[in-house]
Protein backbone atom coordinates (compact mmCIF):
# COMPACT_ATOMS: atom_id res chain seq x y z
CA MET A 1 6.39 -1.78 7.06
CA PHE A 2 8.86 -1.86 4.22
CA ASN A 3 12.55 -2.67 3.95
CA GLY A 4 13.58 0.62 2.33
CA GLU A 5 10.82 0.61 -0.33
CA CYS A 6 8.19 2.71 1.46
CA LYS A 7 8.72 5.85 -0.65
CA ALA A 8 8.53 3.93 -3.93
CA ALA A 9 5.53 1.93 -2.71
CA PHE A 10 3.52 4.96 -1.62
CA ASN A 11 4.30 6.88 -4.80
CA PHE A 12 3.04 3.81 -6.70
CA TYR A 13 -0.10 3.58 -4.54
CA ALA A 14 -0.81 7.31 -4.99
CA GLN A 15 -0.85 6.77 -8.76
CA CYS A 16 -2.87 3.54 -8.67
CA LEU A 17 -5.66 4.51 -6.29
CA PRO A 18 -5.47 7.58 -7.07
CA GLY A 19 -4.53 9.30 -3.88
CA GLN A 20 -2.68 12.16 -2.25
CA ILE A 21 0.38 11.69 -0.05
CA GLU A 22 -0.34 14.00 2.87
CA VAL A 23 2.87 13.39 4.83
CA MET A 24 6.15 11.67 4.04
CA MET A 25 8.98 12.08 6.53
CA ASN A 26 12.31 10.27 6.48
CA PHE A 27 14.45 9.41 9.50
CA GLY A 28 16.87 12.23 8.62
CA GLU A 29 14.07 14.81 8.98
CA SER A 30 12.71 13.40 12.21
CA PRO A 31 13.49 13.74 15.91
CA ALA A 32 14.94 10.20 15.61
CA LEU A 33 17.76 11.61 13.47
CA ASP A 34 20.46 11.03 16.09
CA ASP A 35 19.22 7.53 16.95
CA VAL A 36 19.55 6.14 13.42
CA LEU A 37 22.68 5.51 11.35
CA VAL A 38 23.28 8.05 8.59
CA ASP A 39 22.90 5.22 6.05
CA TYR A 40 19.21 4.99 7.00
CA HIS A 41 18.34 8.70 7.05
CA ASP A 42 16.61 8.44 3.66
CA ARG A 43 14.28 5.67 4.87
CA ILE A 44 10.71 6.68 5.66
CA ILE A 45 9.76 6.92 9.33
CA TYR A 46 6.14 7.90 8.58
CA THR A 47 3.91 8.43 5.57
CA ARG A 48 0.18 8.85 5.13
CA LEU A 49 -1.79 8.48 1.88
CA LEU A 50 -5.37 9.66 1.55
CA ALA A 51 -7.35 7.90 -1.20
CA GLY A 52 -10.96 9.01 -1.18
CA ASP A 53 -12.23 8.36 2.33
CA GLN A 54 -9.55 5.74 3.05
CA THR A 55 -6.20 6.39 4.73
CA ILE A 56 -3.13 4.17 4.41
CA PHE A 57 -0.08 4.56 6.66
CA GLY A 58 3.42 3.22 6.06
CA LEU A 59 7.04 3.26 7.17
CA ASP A 60 10.41 1.66 6.54
CA THR A 61 12.14 -0.47 9.07
CA ILE A 62 15.89 -0.62 9.55
CA PRO A 63 17.96 -3.67 8.56
CA GLU A 64 18.48 -4.63 12.19
CA ARG A 65 14.70 -5.16 12.41
CA PRO A 66 13.69 -6.41 8.95
CA ASP A 67 10.08 -6.65 7.90
CA ASN A 68 9.09 -10.18 6.93
CA GLY A 69 5.85 -9.14 5.28
CA ILE A 70 2.29 -9.13 6.46
CA SER A 71 0.89 -12.53 7.32
CA GLY A 72 -2.76 -13.31 7.88
CA CYS A 73 -4.21 -10.00 6.71
CA SER A 74 -4.39 -7.73 3.69
CA VAL A 75 -5.08 -4.12 2.77
CA SER A 76 -8.74 -3.87 1.78
CA LEU A 77 -9.67 -1.22 -0.77
CA ASN A 78 -13.38 -0.44 -0.87
CA VAL A 79 -14.44 1.15 -4.16
CA THR A 80 -17.78 2.36 -5.49
CA SER A 81 -18.02 1.26 -9.14
CA ILE A 82 -17.07 -1.74 -11.24
CA ALA A 83 -15.05 0.52 -13.56
CA GLU A 84 -13.07 1.93 -10.61
CA THR A 85 -12.55 -1.57 -9.20
CA LYS A 86 -11.16 -2.81 -12.52
CA GLN A 87 -8.93 0.24 -12.97
CA ILE A 88 -7.41 0.08 -9.48
CA PHE A 89 -6.98 -3.70 -9.57
CA ALA A 90 -5.23 -3.57 -12.96
CA ALA A 91 -2.91 -0.78 -11.80
CA LEU A 92 -1.96 -2.56 -8.57
CA THR A 93 -1.22 -5.85 -10.34
CA ASP A 94 1.52 -4.21 -12.45
CA GLY A 95 4.61 -6.13 -11.33
CA GLY A 96 2.56 -8.13 -8.83
CA ASN A 97 0.59 -11.37 -8.81
CA ILE A 98 -3.15 -11.92 -9.02
CA GLN A 99 -4.29 -14.30 -6.29
CA LEU A 100 -7.99 -14.19 -7.20
CA PRO A 101 -9.18 -12.47 -10.40
CA LEU A 102 -11.98 -9.92 -10.12
CA GLN A 103 -15.30 -11.71 -9.92
CA ALA A 104 -18.70 -11.72 -8.26
CA ILE A 105 -18.69 -13.55 -4.94
CA VAL A 106 -21.27 -14.24 -2.25
CA TRP A 107 -20.97 -10.91 -0.40
CA VAL A 108 -20.16 -8.41 -3.22
CA ALA A 109 -20.61 -7.98 -6.97
CA CYS A 110 -16.88 -7.57 -7.66
CA PHE A 111 -13.94 -8.79 -5.57
CA GLY A 112 -10.31 -9.65 -6.30
CA MET A 113 -7.10 -10.40 -4.42
CA LEU A 114 -3.48 -9.68 -5.33
CA VAL A 115 0.04 -9.37 -4.01
CA ASP A 116 1.57 -6.15 -5.32
CA ARG A 117 5.13 -5.58 -6.56
CA PHE A 118 6.18 -4.73 -3.00
CA GLY A 119 4.90 -8.01 -1.58
CA ARG A 120 1.80 -6.53 0.06
CA ALA A 121 -1.45 -8.51 -0.03
CA MET A 122 -4.42 -6.43 -1.13
CA ASN A 123 -8.00 -6.96 -2.08
CA SER A 124 -10.36 -4.75 -4.00
CA GLU A 125 -14.02 -4.89 -3.10
CA LEU A 126 -16.95 -3.13 -4.74
CA GLN A 127 -19.28 -1.54 -2.21
CA GLY A 128 -22.83 -0.42 -2.84
CA GLU A 129 -23.80 -2.15 -6.12
């Protein structure tokens, strides 16, 4: 969930991964239209991004129910080459913070952790090499 940044976040993710936004609907276009203040009609009620064989879903919350961030988990991106891992990791760190630089670890040849510019924890993990 995002606090009004879902559209910007998913456009950013679509560029970084790369991916295709399959659906993006705001509150003003949804059946919830009459249940939400007009000020929030531009917030995203549902979006879906397809990146390879991975799907990421997202939405905005309303100020009365703010999102305090994800705690205890992260979005895991499984990629298939070191070059792709490096490219995606570098793109996602733009405006964010690296928590663990890309490196070989016990279970995979290339792994890194970051918090992106939207405050979302992510890790990139090379599969199959």
